[in-house]
């Protein structure tokens, strides 16, 4: 049995929360609107024997930070930071 703990990573000024369990090829779950990565918790344990399973909270959802008002496609464009 695998127990996933919540971890965070900082990217582009956002704090992103995720759970990761298992060993093997990566398998990343993305949630829809009005939910967060916790919706995938039953699948994390079921697939952890064959995959490294990651369920993340998109920015503004669940345990990830909210998206700033001025955040947009150019916020992640490294060329725009020159």
C-alpha atoms as a PDB file:
ATOM      1  CA  UNK A   1       0.000   0.000   0.000  1.00  0.00           C
ATOM      2  CA  UNK A   2       1.276   3.433  -0.936  1.00  0.00           C
ATOM      3  CA  UNK A   3       0.594   6.629   0.972  1.00  0.00           C
ATOM      4  CA  UNK A   4       0.947   9.829  -1.021  1.00  0.00           C
ATOM      5  CA  UNK A   5       2.063  12.942   0.799  1.00  0.00           C
ATOM      6  CA  UNK A   6       1.501  16.447  -0.481  1.00  0.00           C
ATOM      7  CA  UNK A   7       4.630  18.159  -1.763  1.00  0.00           C
ATOM      8  CA  UNK A   8       5.070  21.562  -3.384  1.00  0.00           C
ATOM      9  CA  UNK A   9       7.269  23.048  -6.060  1.00  0.00           C
ATOM     10  CA  UNK A  10       7.665  26.716  -6.986  1.00  0.00           C
ATOM     11  CA  UNK A  11       7.462  27.628 -10.679  1.00  0.00           C
ATOM     12  CA  UNK A  12       6.940  31.021 -12.338  1.00  0.00           C
ATOM     13  CA  UNK A  13       6.119  32.553  -8.971  1.00  0.00           C
ATOM     14  CA  UNK A  14       3.425  29.992  -8.194  1.00  0.00           C
ATOM     15  CA  UNK A  15       3.396  27.357  -5.477  1.00  0.00           C
ATOM     16  CA  UNK A  16       2.151  24.095  -7.042  1.00  0.00           C
ATOM     17  CA  UNK A  17       0.978  21.214  -4.852  1.00  0.00           C
ATOM     18  CA  UNK A  18       1.161  17.594  -5.954  1.00  0.00           C
ATOM     19  CA  UNK A  19       1.124  14.020  -4.728  1.00  0.00           C
ATOM     20  CA  UNK A  20       3.554  11.436  -6.147  1.00  0.00           C
ATOM     21  CA  UNK A  21       3.712   7.702  -5.447  1.00  0.00           C
ATOM     22  CA  UNK A  22       5.074   4.550  -7.015  1.00  0.00           C
ATOM     23  CA  UNK A  23       7.893   3.458  -9.245  1.00  0.00           C
ATOM     24  CA  UNK A  24       7.977   3.114 -13.010  1.00  0.00           C
ATOM     25  CA  UNK A  25       7.137   5.213 -16.057  1.00  0.00           C
ATOM     26  CA  UNK A  26       5.504   8.546 -15.190  1.00  0.00           C
ATOM     27  CA  UNK A  27       1.740   8.900 -15.306  1.00  0.00           C
ATOM     28  CA  UNK A  28       0.383  12.405 -14.612  1.00  0.00           C
ATOM     29  CA  UNK A  29      -3.257  13.074 -13.763  1.00  0.00           C
ATOM     30  CA  UNK A  30      -4.810  16.462 -14.549  1.00  0.00           C
ATOM     31  CA  UNK A  31      -8.107  17.427 -12.936  1.00  0.00           C
ATOM     32  CA  UNK A  32     -10.985  19.373 -14.446  1.00  0.00           C
ATOM     33  CA  UNK A  33     -12.706  22.533 -13.302  1.00  0.00           C
ATOM     34  CA  UNK A  34     -14.203  22.764  -9.813  1.00  0.00           C
ATOM     35  CA  UNK A  35     -12.062  19.904  -8.428  1.00  0.00           C
ATOM     36  CA  UNK A  36      -8.396  19.311  -7.557  1.00  0.00           C
ATOM     37  CA  UNK A  37      -5.829  16.515  -7.579  1.00  0.00           C
ATOM     38  CA  UNK A  38      -7.492  14.780  -4.632  1.00  0.00           C
ATOM     39  CA  UNK A  39     -10.051  13.366  -7.055  1.00  0.00           C
ATOM     40  CA  UNK A  40      -7.340  10.946  -8.224  1.00  0.00           C
ATOM     41  CA  UNK A  41      -6.426   9.524  -4.783  1.00  0.00           C
ATOM     42  CA  UNK A  42      -8.062   6.099  -5.409  1.00  0.00           C
ATOM     43  CA  UNK A  43      -6.079   5.704  -8.638  1.00  0.00           C
ATOM     44  CA  UNK A  44      -2.773   6.665  -7.012  1.00  0.00           C
ATOM     45  CA  UNK A  45      -2.627   3.508  -4.926  1.00  0.00           C
ATOM     46  CA  UNK A  46      -4.067   1.278  -7.634  1.00  0.00           C
ATOM     47  CA  UNK A  47      -1.431   2.275 -10.203  1.00  0.00           C
ATOM     48  CA  UNK A  48       1.614   2.827  -7.979  1.00  0.00           C
ATOM     49  CA  UNK A  49       2.940  -0.709  -8.512  1.00  0.00           C
ATOM     50  CA  UNK A  50       3.421  -0.059 -12.227  1.00  0.00           C
ATOM     51  CA  UNK A  51       3.893   3.719 -12.551  1.00  0.00           C
ATOM     52  CA  UNK A  52       5.239   6.806 -10.848  1.00  0.00           C
ATOM     53  CA  UNK A  53       1.847   8.468 -10.472  1.00  0.00           C
ATOM     54  CA  UNK A  54       1.549  12.241 -10.036  1.00  0.00           C
ATOM     55  CA  UNK A  55      -1.683  14.102  -9.264  1.00  0.00           C
ATOM     56  CA  UNK A  56      -1.214  17.850  -9.109  1.00  0.00           C
ATOM     57  CA  UNK A  57      -3.399  20.797  -8.189  1.00  0.00           C
ATOM     58  CA  UNK A  58      -3.473  23.241 -11.072  1.00  0.00           C
ATOM     59  CA  UNK A  59      -2.781  26.898 -10.190  1.00  0.00           C
ATOM     60  CA  UNK A  60      -5.765  28.347  -8.363  1.00  0.00           C
ATOM     61  CA  UNK A  61      -7.117  24.936  -7.336  1.00  0.00           C
ATOM     62  CA  UNK A  62      -6.854  22.895  -4.153  1.00  0.00           C
ATOM     63  CA  UNK A  63      -3.587  23.315  -2.311  1.00  0.00           C
ATOM     64  CA  UNK A  64      -1.781  25.285  -5.061  1.00  0.00           C
ATOM     65  CA  UNK A  65      -1.497  29.068  -4.885  1.00  0.00           C
ATOM     66  CA  UNK A  66      -3.963  31.349  -6.608  1.00  0.00           C
ATOM     67  CA  UNK A  67      -3.047  32.800  -9.982  1.00  0.00           C
ATOM     68  CA  UNK A  68      -2.112  36.500  -9.850  1.00  0.00           C
ATOM     69  CA  UNK A  69      -4.327  38.858 -11.840  1.00  0.00           C
ATOM     70  CA  UNK A  70      -1.464  39.732 -14.216  1.00  0.00           C
ATOM     71  CA  UNK A  71      -0.514  36.084 -14.862  1.00  0.00           C
ATOM     72  CA  UNK A  72      -0.919  35.000 -18.476  1.00  0.00           C
ATOM     73  CA  UNK A  73       0.739  33.140 -21.345  1.00  0.00           C
ATOM     74  CA  UNK A  74       3.672  35.570 -21.435  1.00  0.00           C
ATOM     75  CA  UNK A  75       4.328  34.928 -17.723  1.00  0.00           C
ATOM     76  CA  UNK A  76       5.957  31.608 -18.616  1.00  0.00           C
ATOM     77  CA  UNK A  77       7.711  32.825 -21.761  1.00  0.00           C
ATOM     78  CA  UNK A  78      11.421  33.072 -20.942  1.00  0.00           C
ATOM     79  CA  UNK A  79      11.991  35.373 -23.918  1.00  0.00           C
ATOM     80  CA  UNK A  80       9.657  37.965 -22.383  1.00  0.00           C
ATOM     81  CA  UNK A  81      11.906  38.191 -19.301  1.00  0.00           C
ATOM     82  CA  UNK A  82      14.784  39.847 -21.185  1.00  0.00           C
END
